[in-house]
Amino acid sequence: MKNKMHYLKQIPVLLLFACLMACGNAKSGGENDKGKDGANGTTSNVSTELPKAVTSADLEKAKKDGKSVFLVITGTGATGVENAAAIVKDANTKAANSLVFLLNRDDAANSTIVTKLGITTVPVPFILVVSPKGNPVAGGQAAQMTTDQIVKSIPSPKEDDVYVALGEKKPVFIIVSKADYKDKDGVIANCKTAGSKLTPNANIIEFDFDDANEKDFMTQIGVTQMNGATVTVVINTQGQITETFTKKPTVNQLNEAVNKVIKKSGCCPGGSGKGCG
């Protein structure tokens, strides 16, 4: 897992994801997520034929259609590409609305895609998961990625919104509430005021604590229970969770939290007691 995290952190948009995983809240599993034929998740029932080479048009269409993309990144001297392809194909059979492609990182025609996805220096072959909204959200070498991990790394809709904001280098105010919480409007108002004072403006993303589709992500960011009040999680432009407010924060508190940079143990919420590796 440590090696996997090292490579994930080379992909800028994945900073929050990498931090959350290092905080012990990863969506992907560990020893219990072994693949059918071992730790690398290979399967003998999947064809070893390589996927189609991806184009920018393919990625744009997948984003437009709301489909996840499993990419096998290859390049000069890469070995084991067939095995990586078998893993993503197996994941494709288990994940609805997903596509698989091959990407030659060293082909000059792919330079724009390579730069956009931040995969210039990852070791090849490399498996990369691109979310339905076009964000790279997980990746690793074939020996580090299982079919289950790939499928579980597909973000929920609201989680994907967070990645969109971070990809645009924007701070994020995550508001977690319930339908009957009367304090939510006041929290949103303060977040809007604080966000408008920032450059770039902050994105405000609302979560319903009772939304089953978002439970995993809320657990990852440390919101596992509600005590009668709306919770606000602040993420700075570096993807670090800097503050979690369990009562309505002031505008000044929100702005201070956005401008805070955690220099040492990284990106875990304050008081979590966990370092970020």
Protein backbone atom coordinates (compact mmCIF):
# COMPACT_ATOMS: atom_id res chain seq x y z
CA MET A 1 0.00 0.00 0.00
CA LYS A 2 2.84 2.41 0.72
CA ASN A 3 4.19 2.03 -2.81
CA LYS A 4 0.73 2.57 -4.20
CA MET A 5 0.38 5.77 -2.24
CA HIS A 6 3.74 6.99 -3.51
CA TYR A 7 2.53 6.76 -7.09
CA LEU A 8 -0.92 8.18 -6.36
CA LYS A 9 0.66 11.33 -4.98
CA GLN A 10 2.32 11.93 -8.35
CA ILE A 11 -1.14 12.65 -9.76
CA PRO A 12 -2.10 16.16 -8.53
CA VAL A 13 -5.88 15.71 -8.70
CA LEU A 14 -5.55 12.69 -6.42
CA LEU A 15 -4.11 14.58 -3.46
CA LEU A 16 -7.29 14.40 -1.41
CA PHE A 17 -7.83 10.76 -2.33
CA ALA A 18 -4.26 9.90 -1.39
CA CYS A 19 -4.55 11.74 1.91
CA LEU A 20 -7.81 10.03 2.81
CA MET A 21 -6.36 6.62 2.06
CA ALA A 22 -3.31 7.33 4.20
CA CYS A 23 -5.63 8.38 7.02
CA GLY A 24 -6.91 4.82 7.09
CA ASN A 25 -10.20 5.54 5.34
CA ALA A 26 -9.51 4.08 1.90
CA LYS A 27 -12.39 2.81 -0.15
CA SER A 28 -10.23 0.03 -1.50
CA GLY A 29 -9.57 -2.97 0.67
CA GLY A 30 -6.42 -4.72 1.78
CA GLU A 31 -5.69 -8.40 2.20
CA ASN A 32 -9.35 -9.32 1.80
CA ASP A 33 -9.45 -7.76 -1.67
CA LYS A 34 -7.21 -10.31 -3.32
CA GLY A 35 -8.09 -11.05 -6.94
CA LYS A 36 -9.35 -14.36 -8.17
CA ASP A 37 -5.91 -15.75 -8.89
CA GLY A 38 -3.80 -13.88 -6.32
CA ALA A 39 -2.72 -10.47 -5.08
CA ASN A 40 -2.58 -8.90 -8.54
CA GLY A 41 -6.23 -9.59 -9.19
CA THR A 42 -5.72 -11.48 -12.44
CA THR A 43 -8.39 -13.77 -13.74
CA SER A 44 -8.03 -16.71 -16.09
CA ASN A 45 -11.52 -16.13 -17.55
CA VAL A 46 -10.72 -12.80 -19.22
CA SER A 47 -9.29 -12.45 -22.71
CA THR A 48 -5.70 -11.24 -22.90
CA GLU A 49 -6.44 -9.21 -26.04
CA LEU A 50 -5.35 -5.64 -25.47
CA PRO A 51 -7.99 -2.88 -25.25
CA LYS A 52 -8.46 -0.26 -27.92
CA ALA A 53 -6.05 2.69 -27.88
CA VAL A 54 -7.73 5.70 -26.30
CA THR A 55 -8.19 9.10 -27.91
CA SER A 56 -9.17 12.46 -26.47
CA ALA A 57 -12.53 12.04 -28.18
CA ASP A 58 -13.05 8.74 -26.34
CA LEU A 59 -12.42 10.39 -22.98
CA GLU A 60 -14.68 13.34 -23.78
CA LYS A 61 -17.49 11.01 -24.85
CA ALA A 62 -17.10 8.91 -21.70
CA LYS A 63 -17.35 12.08 -19.60
CA LYS A 64 -20.40 13.25 -21.53
CA ASP A 65 -22.05 9.85 -21.06
CA GLY A 66 -21.13 9.68 -17.37
CA LYS A 67 -18.99 6.57 -17.70
CA SER A 68 -15.89 5.57 -15.74
CA VAL A 69 -12.75 4.72 -17.71
CA PHE A 70 -10.15 2.11 -16.77
CA LEU A 71 -6.89 2.92 -18.53
CA VAL A 72 -3.87 0.69 -18.96
CA ILE A 73 -0.90 3.03 -19.30
CA THR A 74 1.96 1.54 -21.26
CA GLY A 75 5.19 2.82 -22.75
CA THR A 76 8.66 1.95 -23.92
CA GLY A 77 9.99 -1.20 -22.26
CA ALA A 78 6.74 -1.98 -20.43
CA THR A 79 6.24 -5.65 -19.60
CA GLY A 80 3.15 -7.33 -18.20
CA VAL A 81 0.75 -5.15 -20.17
CA GLU A 82 -1.46 -8.16 -20.92
CA ASN A 83 -1.84 -8.89 -17.21
CA ALA A 84 -2.81 -5.29 -16.46
CA ALA A 85 -5.31 -5.42 -19.31
CA ALA A 86 -6.86 -8.60 -17.90
CA ILE A 87 -7.38 -6.89 -14.53
CA VAL A 88 -9.15 -3.85 -15.97
CA LYS A 89 -11.27 -6.02 -18.26
CA ASP A 90 -12.37 -8.05 -15.26
CA ALA A 91 -13.23 -4.81 -13.44
CA ASN A 92 -15.17 -3.69 -16.50
CA THR A 93 -17.44 -6.73 -16.23
CA LYS A 94 -18.25 -5.80 -12.61
CA ALA A 95 -18.68 -2.02 -12.95
CA ALA A 96 -21.72 -0.73 -14.79
CA ASN A 97 -21.14 2.14 -17.21
CA SER A 98 -17.39 1.63 -17.49
CA LEU A 99 -14.98 1.46 -20.43
CA VAL A 100 -11.45 0.13 -20.88
CA PHE A 101 -8.70 1.59 -23.05
CA LEU A 102 -4.96 1.42 -23.64
CA LEU A 103 -2.75 4.53 -23.56
CA ASN A 104 0.82 4.63 -24.83
CA ARG A 105 2.40 7.33 -22.70
CA ASP A 106 5.41 7.68 -25.01
CA ASP A 107 3.38 8.33 -28.17
CA ALA A 108 3.67 12.04 -28.96
CA ALA A 109 0.07 12.03 -30.15
CA ASN A 110 -1.01 11.35 -26.57
CA SER A 111 0.99 14.15 -24.93
CA THR A 112 -2.08 16.27 -24.15
CA ILE A 113 -3.85 13.36 -22.44
CA VAL A 114 -0.71 12.41 -20.51
CA THR A 115 -0.26 15.94 -19.20
CA LYS A 116 -3.94 16.33 -18.30
CA LEU A 117 -4.01 13.07 -16.35
CA GLY A 118 -0.68 13.77 -14.62
CA ILE A 119 0.91 10.43 -15.57
CA THR A 120 4.20 11.66 -17.00
CA THR A 121 6.36 9.80 -14.50
CA VAL A 122 4.27 6.85 -13.30
CA PRO A 123 5.89 3.43 -13.81
CA VAL A 124 4.47 1.44 -16.71
CA PRO A 125 2.37 -0.54 -17.08
CA PHE A 126 0.09 1.46 -14.79
CA ILE A 127 -3.64 1.14 -14.17
CA LEU A 128 -5.52 4.45 -13.89
CA VAL A 129 -9.17 4.95 -12.96
CA VAL A 130 -10.86 8.00 -14.46
CA SER A 131 -14.18 8.99 -12.88
CA PRO A 132 -17.46 9.65 -14.73
CA LYS A 133 -16.68 13.38 -14.58
CA GLY A 134 -13.23 12.93 -16.09
CA ASN A 135 -11.10 13.00 -12.93
CA PRO A 136 -8.21 10.59 -12.32
CA VAL A 137 -9.12 9.11 -8.93
CA ALA A 138 -6.99 6.01 -8.33
CA GLY A 139 -4.06 4.19 -9.81
CA GLY A 140 -1.24 1.76 -9.29
CA GLN A 141 0.85 -0.92 -10.91
CA ALA A 142 -0.86 -4.20 -11.75
CA ALA A 143 0.65 -5.94 -8.71
CA GLN A 144 -0.88 -3.26 -6.48
CA MET A 145 -4.36 -3.10 -8.01
CA THR A 146 -7.09 -5.71 -7.75
CA THR A 147 -10.37 -5.87 -9.59
CA ASP A 148 -12.28 -5.03 -6.41
CA GLN A 149 -10.07 -2.04 -5.67
CA ILE A 150 -10.63 -0.65 -9.15
CA VAL A 151 -14.40 -1.01 -8.90
CA LYS A 152 -14.52 0.47 -5.38
CA SER A 153 -12.41 3.45 -6.42
CA ILE A 154 -15.17 4.79 -8.67
CA PRO A 155 -16.39 7.86 -6.77
CA SER A 156 -19.94 8.63 -5.79
CA PRO A 157 -21.54 11.59 -7.64
CA LYS A 158 -20.93 14.13 -4.86
CA GLU A 159 -17.42 12.79 -4.24
CA ASP A 160 -16.69 13.31 -7.92
CA ASP A 161 -17.82 16.93 -7.53
CA VAL A 162 -15.12 17.34 -4.88
CA TYR A 163 -12.50 16.04 -7.33
CA VAL A 164 -13.72 18.46 -9.99
CA ALA A 165 -13.16 21.38 -7.61
CA LEU A 166 -9.73 20.16 -6.55
CA GLY A 167 -8.77 19.62 -10.18
CA GLU A 168 -9.57 23.30 -10.74
CA LYS A 169 -7.41 24.23 -7.71
CA LYS A 170 -10.43 25.48 -5.79
CA PRO A 171 -11.02 25.22 -2.04
CA VAL A 172 -14.06 23.21 -1.02
CA PHE A 173 -16.67 23.63 1.71
CA ILE A 174 -18.39 20.29 2.26
CA ILE A 175 -21.69 20.71 4.10
CA VAL A 176 -23.15 17.56 5.65
CA SER A 177 -26.66 17.88 7.04
CA LYS A 178 -30.09 16.27 7.30
CA ALA A 179 -33.41 17.32 5.82
CA ASP A 180 -34.81 18.52 9.15
CA TYR A 181 -31.74 20.47 10.32
CA LYS A 182 -32.73 24.11 10.57
CA ASP A 183 -29.17 25.40 10.89
CA LYS A 184 -28.16 24.34 7.36
CA ASP A 185 -29.31 27.55 5.65
CA GLY A 186 -27.18 29.64 7.98
CA VAL A 187 -24.13 27.45 7.38
CA ILE A 188 -24.61 27.68 3.62
CA ALA A 189 -24.97 31.47 3.82
CA ASN A 190 -21.68 31.81 5.72
CA CYS A 191 -19.93 29.45 3.30
CA LYS A 192 -21.17 31.51 0.34
CA THR A 193 -19.94 34.73 1.92
CA ALA A 194 -16.57 33.23 2.79
CA GLY A 195 -16.23 31.53 -0.58
CA SER A 196 -16.90 34.74 -2.48
CA LYS A 197 -13.96 36.42 -0.75
CA LEU A 198 -11.52 33.78 -1.98
CA THR A 199 -9.55 33.62 -5.21
CA PRO A 200 -10.55 31.35 -6.77
CA ASN A 201 -13.98 31.19 -5.17
CA ALA A 202 -14.69 28.11 -3.08
CA ASN A 203 -16.99 25.36 -4.25
CA ILE A 204 -19.81 24.48 -1.85
CA ILE A 205 -20.92 20.86 -2.02
CA GLU A 206 -23.88 19.67 0.04
CA PHE A 207 -24.22 16.11 1.35
CA ASP A 208 -27.28 14.53 2.89
CA PHE A 209 -26.03 12.40 5.77
CA ASP A 210 -28.81 9.90 5.07
CA ASP A 211 -27.81 9.43 1.41
CA ALA A 212 -26.64 5.81 1.24
CA ASN A 213 -24.74 6.48 -1.99
CA GLU A 214 -22.44 8.93 -0.19
CA LYS A 215 -21.86 7.03 3.07
CA ASP A 216 -18.43 5.71 2.09
CA PHE A 217 -17.09 9.14 1.21
CA MET A 218 -18.51 10.75 4.33
CA THR A 219 -16.75 8.07 6.35
CA GLN A 220 -13.51 8.82 4.49
CA ILE A 221 -13.67 12.49 5.46
CA GLY A 222 -14.45 11.63 9.06
CA VAL A 223 -18.18 12.39 9.23
CA THR A 224 -19.60 9.22 10.76
CA GLN A 225 -22.30 10.61 13.02
CA MET A 226 -24.47 13.69 13.47
CA ASN A 227 -25.27 15.37 16.76
CA GLY A 228 -28.19 17.55 15.76
CA ALA A 229 -26.15 20.13 13.86
CA THR A 230 -24.80 20.56 10.35
CA VAL A 231 -21.14 19.61 9.89
CA THR A 232 -18.77 21.63 7.68
CA VAL A 233 -15.54 20.13 6.34
CA VAL A 234 -13.01 22.55 4.84
CA ILE A 235 -10.53 21.45 2.17
CA ASN A 236 -7.81 23.83 1.01
CA THR A 237 -6.51 24.14 -2.55
CA GLN A 238 -3.84 21.53 -1.82
CA GLY A 239 -6.50 18.94 -1.07
CA GLN A 240 -5.87 18.99 2.67
CA ILE A 241 -8.73 18.68 5.13
CA THR A 242 -7.88 21.56 7.45
CA GLU A 243 -10.94 21.86 9.70
CA THR A 244 -14.16 20.06 10.58
CA PHE A 245 -16.79 22.28 12.24
CA THR A 246 -19.57 20.59 14.19
CA LYS A 247 -21.50 23.83 14.66
CA LYS A 248 -22.06 26.82 12.40
CA PRO A 249 -18.65 28.34 11.54
CA THR A 250 -18.17 32.07 11.17
CA VAL A 251 -17.00 33.59 7.91
CA ASN A 252 -13.63 34.37 9.48
CA GLN A 253 -13.24 30.79 10.71
CA LEU A 254 -13.96 29.46 7.24
CA ASN A 255 -11.46 31.78 5.58
CA GLU A 256 -8.81 30.93 8.16
CA ALA A 257 -9.39 27.24 7.58
CA VAL A 258 -9.06 27.59 3.80
CA ASN A 259 -5.77 29.46 4.17
CA LYS A 260 -4.34 26.93 6.60
CA VAL A 261 -1.66 24.61 5.24
CA ILE A 262 -0.79 21.47 7.18
CA LYS A 263 2.99 21.20 6.91
CA LYS A 264 3.92 18.00 8.71
CA SER A 265 1.64 15.01 9.13
CA GLY A 266 -0.26 16.05 6.04
CA CYS A 267 -3.93 15.95 5.40
CA CYS A 268 -5.84 14.21 8.14
CA PRO A 269 -8.57 16.16 9.90
CA GLY A 270 -7.47 17.78 13.14
CA GLY A 271 -7.76 15.47 16.11
CA SER A 272 -7.86 12.31 14.01
CA GLY A 273 -4.65 11.07 15.59
CA LYS A 274 -3.54 9.63 12.26
CA GLY A 275 -0.63 10.71 10.13
CA CYS A 276 -0.82 10.78 6.36
CA GLY A 277 2.28 8.80 5.60
